[in-house]
Amino acid sequence: EKGSDVNHLKARPWMQQTRIRNEKKVLNLSKKYLKAISN
C-alpha cells in the first residue's frame, strides 16, 4: 500500500483506491440498510 524506499518498491495503494472508488456505494448501502433497520 505504502511502498518501500529501502526495498525499492513503488506504492500500490490498493486500500486507498478501494475507499475512493467505493465511497458513494458504501454511503448508499448504509442509507439502504439504515432504512431497513428503521422499517
All heavy atoms as atom14 arrays in JSON, in Angstrom:
{
  "sequence": "EKGSDVNHLKARPWMQQTRIRNEKKVLNLSKKYLKAISN",
  "atom14_mask": [
    [1, 1, 1, 1, 1, 1, 1, 1, 1, 0, 0, 0, 0, 0],
    [1, 1, 1, 1, 1, 1, 1, 1, 1, 0, 0, 0, 0, 0],
    [1, 1, 1, 1, 0, 0, 0, 0, 0, 0, 0, 0, 0, 0],
    [1, 1, 1, 1, 1, 1, 0, 0, 0, 0, 0, 0, 0, 0],
    [1, 1, 1, 1, 1, 1, 1, 1, 0, 0, 0, 0, 0, 0],
    [1, 1, 1, 1, 1, 1, 1, 0, 0, 0, 0, 0, 0, 0],
    [1, 1, 1, 1, 1, 1, 1, 1, 0, 0, 0, 0, 0, 0],
    [1, 1, 1, 1, 1, 1, 1, 1, 1, 1, 0, 0, 0, 0],
    [1, 1, 1, 1, 1, 1, 1, 1, 0, 0, 0, 0, 0, 0],
    [1, 1, 1, 1, 1, 1, 1, 1, 1, 0, 0, 0, 0, 0],
    [1, 1, 1, 1, 1, 0, 0, 0, 0, 0, 0, 0, 0, 0],
    [1, 1, 1, 1, 1, 1, 1, 1, 1, 1, 1, 0, 0, 0],
    [1, 1, 1, 1, 1, 1, 1, 0, 0, 0, 0, 0, 0, 0],
    [1, 1, 1, 1, 1, 1, 1, 1, 1, 1, 1, 1, 1, 1],
    [1, 1, 1, 1, 1, 1, 1, 1, 0, 0, 0, 0, 0, 0],
    [1, 1, 1, 1, 1, 1, 1, 1, 1, 0, 0, 0, 0, 0],
    [1, 1, 1, 1, 1, 1, 1, 1, 1, 0, 0, 0, 0, 0],
    [1, 1, 1, 1, 1, 1, 1, 0, 0, 0, 0, 0, 0, 0],
    [1, 1, 1, 1, 1, 1, 1, 1, 1, 1, 1, 0, 0, 0],
    [1, 1, 1, 1, 1, 1, 1, 1, 0, 0, 0, 0, 0, 0],
    [1, 1, 1, 1, 1, 1, 1, 1, 1, 1, 1, 0, 0, 0],
    [1, 1, 1, 1, 1, 1, 1, 1, 0, 0, 0, 0, 0, 0],
    [1, 1, 1, 1, 1, 1, 1, 1, 1, 0, 0, 0, 0, 0],
    [1, 1, 1, 1, 1, 1, 1, 1, 1, 0, 0, 0, 0, 0],
    [1, 1, 1, 1, 1, 1, 1, 1, 1, 0, 0, 0, 0, 0],
    [1, 1, 1, 1, 1, 1, 1, 0, 0, 0, 0, 0, 0, 0],
    [1, 1, 1, 1, 1, 1, 1, 1, 0, 0, 0, 0, 0, 0],
    [1, 1, 1, 1, 1, 1, 1, 1, 0, 0, 0, 0, 0, 0],
    [1, 1, 1, 1, 1, 1, 1, 1, 0, 0, 0, 0, 0, 0],
    [1, 1, 1, 1, 1, 1, 0, 0, 0, 0, 0, 0, 0, 0],
    [1, 1, 1, 1, 1, 1, 1, 1, 1, 0, 0, 0, 0, 0],
    [1, 1, 1, 1, 1, 1, 1, 1, 1, 0, 0, 0, 0, 0],
    [1, 1, 1, 1, 1, 1, 1, 1, 1, 1, 1, 1, 0, 0],
    [1, 1, 1, 1, 1, 1, 1, 1, 0, 0, 0, 0, 0, 0],
    [1, 1, 1, 1, 1, 1, 1, 1, 1, 0, 0, 0, 0, 0],
    [1, 1, 1, 1, 1, 0, 0, 0, 0, 0, 0, 0, 0, 0],
    [1, 1, 1, 1, 1, 1, 1, 1, 0, 0, 0, 0, 0, 0],
    [1, 1, 1, 1, 1, 1, 0, 0, 0, 0, 0, 0, 0, 0],
    [1, 1, 1, 1, 1, 1, 1, 1, 0, 0, 0, 0, 0, 0]
  ],
  "atom14_positions": [
    [[0.83, -1.21, 0.0], [0.0, 0.0, 0.0], [0.86, 1.26, 0.0], [0.62, 2.19, -0.76], [-0.92, 0.01, 1.24], [-1.7, 1.28, 1.45], [-2.88, 1.45, 0.51], [-3.31, 0.48, -0.14], [-3.39, 2.57, 0.43], [0.0, 0.0, 0.0], [0.0, 0.0, 0.0], [0.0, 0.0, 0.0], [0.0, 0.0, 0.0], [0.0, 0.0, 0.0]],
    [[1.87, 1.28, 0.86], [2.68, 2.49, 1.05], [3.96, 2.52, 0.22], [4.52, 3.58, 0.01], [3.08, 2.61, 2.54], [1.91, 2.75, 3.48], [1.21, 4.05, 3.26], [0.09, 4.25, 4.26], [-0.66, 5.46, 4.0], [0.0, 0.0, 0.0], [0.0, 0.0, 0.0], [0.0, 0.0, 0.0], [0.0, 0.0, 0.0], [0.0, 0.0, 0.0]],
    [[4.45, 1.34, -0.22], [5.73, 1.28, -0.91], [6.86, 1.18, 0.09], [6.65, 1.29, 1.3], [0.0, 0.0, 0.0], [0.0, 0.0, 0.0], [0.0, 0.0, 0.0], [0.0, 0.0, 0.0], [0.0, 0.0, 0.0], [0.0, 0.0, 0.0], [0.0, 0.0, 0.0], [0.0, 0.0, 0.0], [0.0, 0.0, 0.0], [0.0, 0.0, 0.0]],
    [[8.06, 0.99, -0.4], [9.22, 0.86, 0.47], [10.45, 1.42, -0.23], [10.9, 0.86, -1.24], [9.46, -0.61, 0.85], [10.7, -0.77, 1.5], [0.0, 0.0, 0.0], [0.0, 0.0, 0.0], [0.0, 0.0, 0.0], [0.0, 0.0, 0.0], [0.0, 0.0, 0.0], [0.0, 0.0, 0.0], [0.0, 0.0, 0.0], [0.0, 0.0, 0.0]],
    [[10.99, 2.51, 0.31], [12.22, 3.08, -0.25], [13.39, 2.11, -0.06], [14.23, 1.98, -0.94], [12.54, 4.42, 0.42], [11.55, 5.5, 0.05], [10.9, 5.38, -1.02], [11.41, 6.46, 0.82], [0.0, 0.0, 0.0], [0.0, 0.0, 0.0], [0.0, 0.0, 0.0], [0.0, 0.0, 0.0], [0.0, 0.0, 0.0], [0.0, 0.0, 0.0]],
    [[13.42, 1.44, 1.07], [14.52, 0.51, 1.37], [14.59, -0.61, 0.34], [15.66, -0.96, -0.14], [14.35, -0.08, 2.79], [15.39, -1.16, 3.07], [14.42, 1.02, 3.84], [0.0, 0.0, 0.0], [0.0, 0.0, 0.0], [0.0, 0.0, 0.0], [0.0, 0.0, 0.0], [0.0, 0.0, 0.0], [0.0, 0.0, 0.0], [0.0, 0.0, 0.0]],
    [[13.44, -1.16, -0.02], [13.4, -2.28, -0.96], [13.08, -1.85, -2.39], [12.83, -2.68, -3.24], [12.38, -3.32, -0.49], [12.78, -3.93, 0.83], [13.93, -4.34, 1.0], [11.87, -3.97, 1.77], [0.0, 0.0, 0.0], [0.0, 0.0, 0.0], [0.0, 0.0, 0.0], [0.0, 0.0, 0.0], [0.0, 0.0, 0.0], [0.0, 0.0, 0.0]],
    [[13.04, -0.55, -2.63], [12.76, -0.01, -3.96], [11.43, -0.51, -4.52], [11.33, -0.87, -5.69], [13.91, -0.31, -4.93], [15.23, 0.17, -4.44], [15.59, 1.49, -4.49], [16.27, -0.48, -3.86], [16.8, 1.63, -3.97], [17.24, 0.46, -3.57], [0.0, 0.0, 0.0], [0.0, 0.0, 0.0], [0.0, 0.0, 0.0], [0.0, 0.0, 0.0]],
    [[10.41, -0.55, -3.64], [9.07, -0.97, -4.06], [8.19, 0.27, -4.2], [8.09, 1.07, -3.27], [8.45, -1.91, -3.04], [9.1, -3.27, -2.86], [8.44, -4.0, -1.7], [8.98, -4.08, -4.13], [0.0, 0.0, 0.0], [0.0, 0.0, 0.0], [0.0, 0.0, 0.0], [0.0, 0.0, 0.0], [0.0, 0.0, 0.0], [0.0, 0.0, 0.0]],
    [[7.56, 0.4, -5.34], [6.62, 1.5, -5.55], [5.32, 1.21, -4.82], [4.91, 0.06, -4.7], [6.38, 1.7, -7.04], [7.62, 2.15, -7.76], [7.38, 2.3, -9.22], [8.69, 2.79, -9.83], [8.8, 2.53, -11.22], [0.0, 0.0, 0.0], [0.0, 0.0, 0.0], [0.0, 0.0, 0.0], [0.0, 0.0, 0.0], [0.0, 0.0, 0.0]],
    [[4.68, 2.27, -4.38], [3.4, 2.13, -3.69], [2.35, 1.58, -4.65], [2.28, 1.99, -5.81], [2.95, 3.46, -3.12], [0.0, 0.0, 0.0], [0.0, 0.0, 0.0], [0.0, 0.0, 0.0], [0.0, 0.0, 0.0], [0.0, 0.0, 0.0], [0.0, 0.0, 0.0], [0.0, 0.0, 0.0], [0.0, 0.0, 0.0], [0.0, 0.0, 0.0]],
    [[1.56, 0.66, -4.17], [0.42, 0.11, -4.89], [-0.79, 0.33, -3.97], [-1.19, -0.56, -3.24], [0.58, -1.37, -5.18], [1.89, -1.78, -5.83], [1.89, -1.42, -7.31], [2.88, -2.2, -8.04], [3.91, -1.66, -8.66], [4.13, -0.38, -8.62], [4.75, -2.42, -9.34], [0.0, 0.0, 0.0], [0.0, 0.0, 0.0], [0.0, 0.0, 0.0]],
    [[-1.36, 1.53, -3.94], [-2.38, 1.9, -2.95], [-3.73, 1.22, -3.17], [-4.72, 1.85, -3.52], [-2.46, 3.42, -3.09], [-2.05, 3.69, -4.49], [-1.04, 2.63, -4.84], [0.0, 0.0, 0.0], [0.0, 0.0, 0.0], [0.0, 0.0, 0.0], [0.0, 0.0, 0.0], [0.0, 0.0, 0.0], [0.0, 0.0, 0.0], [0.0, 0.0, 0.0]],
    [[-3.78, -0.06, -2.93], [-5.0, -0.84, -3.16], [-6.09, -0.51, -2.14], [-7.27, -0.48, -2.48], [-4.68, -2.34, -3.19], [-4.01, -2.86, -1.96], [-2.68, -2.78, -1.65], [-4.62, -3.54, -0.89], [-2.45, -3.37, -0.44], [-3.62, -3.86, 0.05], [-5.93, -3.92, -0.62], [-3.88, -4.53, 1.24], [-6.19, -4.6, 0.56], [-5.17, -4.9, 1.46]],
    [[-5.72, -0.23, -0.89], [-6.74, 0.13, 0.11], [-7.3, 1.53, -0.18], [-8.51, 1.74, -0.09], [-6.15, 0.07, 1.52], [-5.83, -1.35, 1.97], [-5.24, -1.44, 3.67], [-3.49, -1.1, 3.45], [0.0, 0.0, 0.0], [0.0, 0.0, 0.0], [0.0, 0.0, 0.0], [0.0, 0.0, 0.0], [0.0, 0.0, 0.0], [0.0, 0.0, 0.0]],
    [[-6.43, 2.46, -0.52], [-6.86, 3.82, -0.82], [-7.77, 3.84, -2.06], [-8.8, 4.51, -2.07], [-5.65, 4.72, -1.05], [-6.02, 6.15, -1.35], [-4.79, 7.0, -1.64], [-3.72, 6.52, -1.92], [-4.97, 8.31, -1.57], [0.0, 0.0, 0.0], [0.0, 0.0, 0.0], [0.0, 0.0, 0.0], [0.0, 0.0, 0.0], [0.0, 0.0, 0.0]],
    [[-7.39, 3.09, -3.09], [-8.24, 3.04, -4.3], [-9.6, 2.44, -3.97], [-10.62, 2.89, -4.5], [-7.55, 2.22, -5.4], [-6.5, 3.0, -6.14], [-6.07, 2.28, -7.41], [-6.9, 1.8, -8.18], [-4.76, 2.21, -7.61], [0.0, 0.0, 0.0], [0.0, 0.0, 0.0], [0.0, 0.0, 0.0], [0.0, 0.0, 0.0], [0.0, 0.0, 0.0]],
    [[-9.63, 1.43, -3.11], [-10.91, 0.83, -2.72], [-11.79, 1.88, -2.06], [-12.97, 2.01, -2.4], [-10.69, -0.36, -1.77], [-9.86, -1.33, -2.39], [-12.02, -0.98, -1.37], [0.0, 0.0, 0.0], [0.0, 0.0, 0.0], [0.0, 0.0, 0.0], [0.0, 0.0, 0.0], [0.0, 0.0, 0.0], [0.0, 0.0, 0.0], [0.0, 0.0, 0.0]],
    [[-11.22, 2.62, -1.13], [-12.0, 3.64, -0.41], [-12.52, 4.7, -1.37], [-13.72, 5.02, -1.38], [-11.16, 4.29, 0.68], [-11.92, 5.32, 1.49], [-11.04, 6.08, 2.46], [-9.86, 6.67, 1.87], [-9.84, 7.79, 1.16], [-10.96, 8.44, 0.92], [-8.71, 8.27, 0.67], [0.0, 0.0, 0.0], [0.0, 0.0, 0.0], [0.0, 0.0, 0.0]],
    [[-11.65, 5.22, -2.21], [-12.03, 6.3, -3.13], [-13.11, 5.83, -4.12], [-14.1, 6.51, -4.35], [-10.8, 6.84, -3.88], [-9.9, 7.59, -2.91], [-11.21, 7.72, -5.05], [-8.52, 7.93, -3.45], [0.0, 0.0, 0.0], [0.0, 0.0, 0.0], [0.0, 0.0, 0.0], [0.0, 0.0, 0.0], [0.0, 0.0, 0.0], [0.0, 0.0, 0.0]],
    [[-12.92, 4.64, -4.67], [-13.87, 4.14, -5.68], [-15.21, 3.74, -5.1], [-16.19, 3.63, -5.83], [-13.28, 2.93, -6.4], [-12.19, 3.26, -7.37], [-11.68, 2.0, -8.01], [-10.74, 2.33, -9.06], [-10.62, 1.64, -10.18], [-11.37, 0.59, -10.4], [-9.74, 2.0, -11.08], [0.0, 0.0, 0.0], [0.0, 0.0, 0.0], [0.0, 0.0, 0.0]],
    [[-15.27, 3.49, -3.8], [-16.49, 2.93, -3.22], [-17.16, 3.81, -2.18], [-18.1, 3.35, -1.52], [-16.17, 1.55, -2.63], [-15.87, 0.55, -3.71], [-16.78, -0.01, -4.32], [-14.6, 0.33, -3.99], [0.0, 0.0, 0.0], [0.0, 0.0, 0.0], [0.0, 0.0, 0.0], [0.0, 0.0, 0.0], [0.0, 0.0, 0.0], [0.0, 0.0, 0.0]],
    [[-16.73, 5.05, -2.03], [-17.35, 5.93, -1.03], [-18.85, 6.08, -1.25], [-19.64, 5.93, -0.32], [-16.68, 7.3, -1.04], [-15.38, 7.33, -0.28], [-14.68, 8.69, -0.32], [-14.75, 9.37, -1.36], [-14.08, 9.04, 0.71], [0.0, 0.0, 0.0], [0.0, 0.0, 0.0], [0.0, 0.0, 0.0], [0.0, 0.0, 0.0], [0.0, 0.0, 0.0]],
    [[-19.27, 6.37, -2.46], [-20.7, 6.55, -2.75], [-21.48, 5.26, -2.56], [-22.58, 5.26, -2.02], [-20.9, 7.08, -4.17], [-20.68, 8.56, -4.3], [-21.08, 9.05, -5.67], [-20.9, 10.56, -5.77], [-21.22, 11.06, -7.1], [0.0, 0.0, 0.0], [0.0, 0.0, 0.0], [0.0, 0.0, 0.0], [0.0, 0.0, 0.0], [0.0, 0.0, 0.0]],
    [[-20.89, 4.16, -3.02], [-21.57, 2.87, -2.88], [-21.79, 2.53, -1.41], [-22.89, 2.11, -1.03], [-20.72, 1.77, -3.55], [-21.31, 0.39, -3.41], [-20.4, -0.66, -4.04], [-20.96, -2.05, -3.82], [-20.06, -3.08, -4.33], [0.0, 0.0, 0.0], [0.0, 0.0, 0.0], [0.0, 0.0, 0.0], [0.0, 0.0, 0.0], [0.0, 0.0, 0.0]],
    [[-20.78, 2.74, -0.57], [-20.9, 2.44, 0.85], [-21.93, 3.37, 1.5], [-22.75, 2.94, 2.31], [-19.53, 2.54, 1.56], [-19.67, 2.5, 3.07], [-18.6, 1.43, 1.07], [0.0, 0.0, 0.0], [0.0, 0.0, 0.0], [0.0, 0.0, 0.0], [0.0, 0.0, 0.0], [0.0, 0.0, 0.0], [0.0, 0.0, 0.0], [0.0, 0.0, 0.0]],
    [[-21.91, 4.64, 1.12], [-22.89, 5.59, 1.65], [-24.31, 5.18, 1.27], [-25.21, 5.16, 2.12], [-22.59, 7.0, 1.14], [-23.53, 8.1, 1.63], [-23.47, 8.23, 3.15], [-23.17, 9.42, 0.97], [0.0, 0.0, 0.0], [0.0, 0.0, 0.0], [0.0, 0.0, 0.0], [0.0, 0.0, 0.0], [0.0, 0.0, 0.0], [0.0, 0.0, 0.0]],
    [[-24.52, 4.81, 0.01], [-25.84, 4.39, -0.44], [-26.3, 3.1, 0.24], [-27.46, 2.98, 0.62], [-25.87, 4.23, -1.96], [-25.78, 5.56, -2.67], [-26.12, 6.6, -2.12], [-25.31, 5.55, -3.91], [0.0, 0.0, 0.0], [0.0, 0.0, 0.0], [0.0, 0.0, 0.0], [0.0, 0.0, 0.0], [0.0, 0.0, 0.0], [0.0, 0.0, 0.0]],
    [[-25.38, 2.15, 0.39], [-25.73, 0.91, 1.1], [-26.07, 1.2, 2.56], [-27.01, 0.63, 3.11], [-24.59, -0.11, 1.03], [-24.44, -0.89, -0.26], [-23.2, -1.76, -0.23], [-25.68, -1.74, -0.52], [0.0, 0.0, 0.0], [0.0, 0.0, 0.0], [0.0, 0.0, 0.0], [0.0, 0.0, 0.0], [0.0, 0.0, 0.0], [0.0, 0.0, 0.0]],
    [[-25.29, 2.09, 3.18], [-25.55, 2.46, 4.58], [-26.95, 3.05, 4.73], [-27.69, 2.7, 5.66], [-24.51, 3.46, 5.07], [-23.23, 2.89, 5.05], [0.0, 0.0, 0.0], [0.0, 0.0, 0.0], [0.0, 0.0, 0.0], [0.0, 0.0, 0.0], [0.0, 0.0, 0.0], [0.0, 0.0, 0.0], [0.0, 0.0, 0.0], [0.0, 0.0, 0.0]],
    [[-27.32, 3.93, 3.82], [-28.66, 4.53, 3.86], [-29.74, 3.46, 3.67], [-30.76, 3.46, 4.36], [-28.79, 5.6, 2.77], [-28.03, 6.86, 3.06], [-28.16, 7.84, 1.9], [-27.36, 9.1, 2.12], [-27.44, 10.01, 0.96], [0.0, 0.0, 0.0], [0.0, 0.0, 0.0], [0.0, 0.0, 0.0], [0.0, 0.0, 0.0], [0.0, 0.0, 0.0]],
    [[-29.5, 2.56, 2.71], [-30.47, 1.49, 2.42], [-30.66, 0.6, 3.66], [-31.79, 0.27, 4.04], [-29.96, 0.67, 1.24], [-30.79, -0.55, 0.91], [-30.15, -1.33, -0.22], [-30.87, -2.64, -0.46], [-30.23, -3.44, -1.5], [0.0, 0.0, 0.0], [0.0, 0.0, 0.0], [0.0, 0.0, 0.0], [0.0, 0.0, 0.0], [0.0, 0.0, 0.0]],
    [[-29.54, 0.22, 4.29], [-29.62, -0.68, 5.45], [-30.2, 0.04, 6.66], [-30.94, -0.56, 7.45], [-28.26, -1.29, 5.76], [-27.74, -2.19, 4.66], [-26.38, -2.36, 4.45], [-28.6, -2.87, 3.8], [-25.89, -3.18, 3.44], [-28.14, -3.69, 2.79], [-26.78, -3.85, 2.61], [-26.3, -4.65, 1.61], [0.0, 0.0, 0.0], [0.0, 0.0, 0.0]],
    [[-29.91, 1.33, 6.82], [-30.49, 2.1, 7.92], [-32.0, 2.18, 7.76], [-32.75, 2.03, 8.73], [-29.87, 3.5, 7.97], [-30.37, 4.4, 9.1], [-30.1, 3.76, 10.46], [-29.7, 5.76, 9.01], [0.0, 0.0, 0.0], [0.0, 0.0, 0.0], [0.0, 0.0, 0.0], [0.0, 0.0, 0.0], [0.0, 0.0, 0.0], [0.0, 0.0, 0.0]],
    [[-32.44, 2.36, 6.53], [-33.88, 2.39, 6.25], [-34.51, 1.02, 6.58], [-35.59, 0.96, 7.16], [-34.12, 2.75, 4.79], [-35.56, 2.96, 4.45], [-35.73, 3.45, 3.02], [-37.2, 3.68, 2.7], [-37.39, 4.17, 1.34], [0.0, 0.0, 0.0], [0.0, 0.0, 0.0], [0.0, 0.0, 0.0], [0.0, 0.0, 0.0], [0.0, 0.0, 0.0]],
    [[-33.8, -0.05, 6.22], [-34.32, -1.4, 6.51], [-34.4, -1.64, 8.02], [-35.36, -2.25, 8.5], [-33.44, -2.45, 5.84], [0.0, 0.0, 0.0], [0.0, 0.0, 0.0], [0.0, 0.0, 0.0], [0.0, 0.0, 0.0], [0.0, 0.0, 0.0], [0.0, 0.0, 0.0], [0.0, 0.0, 0.0], [0.0, 0.0, 0.0], [0.0, 0.0, 0.0]],
    [[-33.41, -1.15, 8.76], [-33.45, -1.27, 10.23], [-34.63, -0.46, 10.76], [-35.39, -0.95, 11.61], [-32.12, -0.78, 10.87], [-30.97, -1.71, 10.5], [-32.26, -0.71, 12.39], [-29.59, -1.17, 10.87], [0.0, 0.0, 0.0], [0.0, 0.0, 0.0], [0.0, 0.0, 0.0], [0.0, 0.0, 0.0], [0.0, 0.0, 0.0], [0.0, 0.0, 0.0]],
    [[-34.8, 0.74, 10.25], [-35.9, 1.61, 10.69], [-37.27, 1.03, 10.37], [-38.24, 1.25, 11.09], [-35.78, 3.0, 10.04], [-34.59, 3.62, 10.42], [0.0, 0.0, 0.0], [0.0, 0.0, 0.0], [0.0, 0.0, 0.0], [0.0, 0.0, 0.0], [0.0, 0.0, 0.0], [0.0, 0.0, 0.0], [0.0, 0.0, 0.0], [0.0, 0.0, 0.0]],
    [[-37.35, 0.28, 9.27], [-38.62, -0.38, 8.89], [-38.84, -1.68, 9.65], [-39.89, -2.28, 9.52], [-38.63, -0.68, 7.39], [-38.71, 0.58, 6.56], [-39.16, 1.6, 7.02], [-38.24, 0.49, 5.32], [0.0, 0.0, 0.0], [0.0, 0.0, 0.0], [0.0, 0.0, 0.0], [0.0, 0.0, 0.0], [0.0, 0.0, 0.0], [0.0, 0.0, 0.0]]
  ]
}
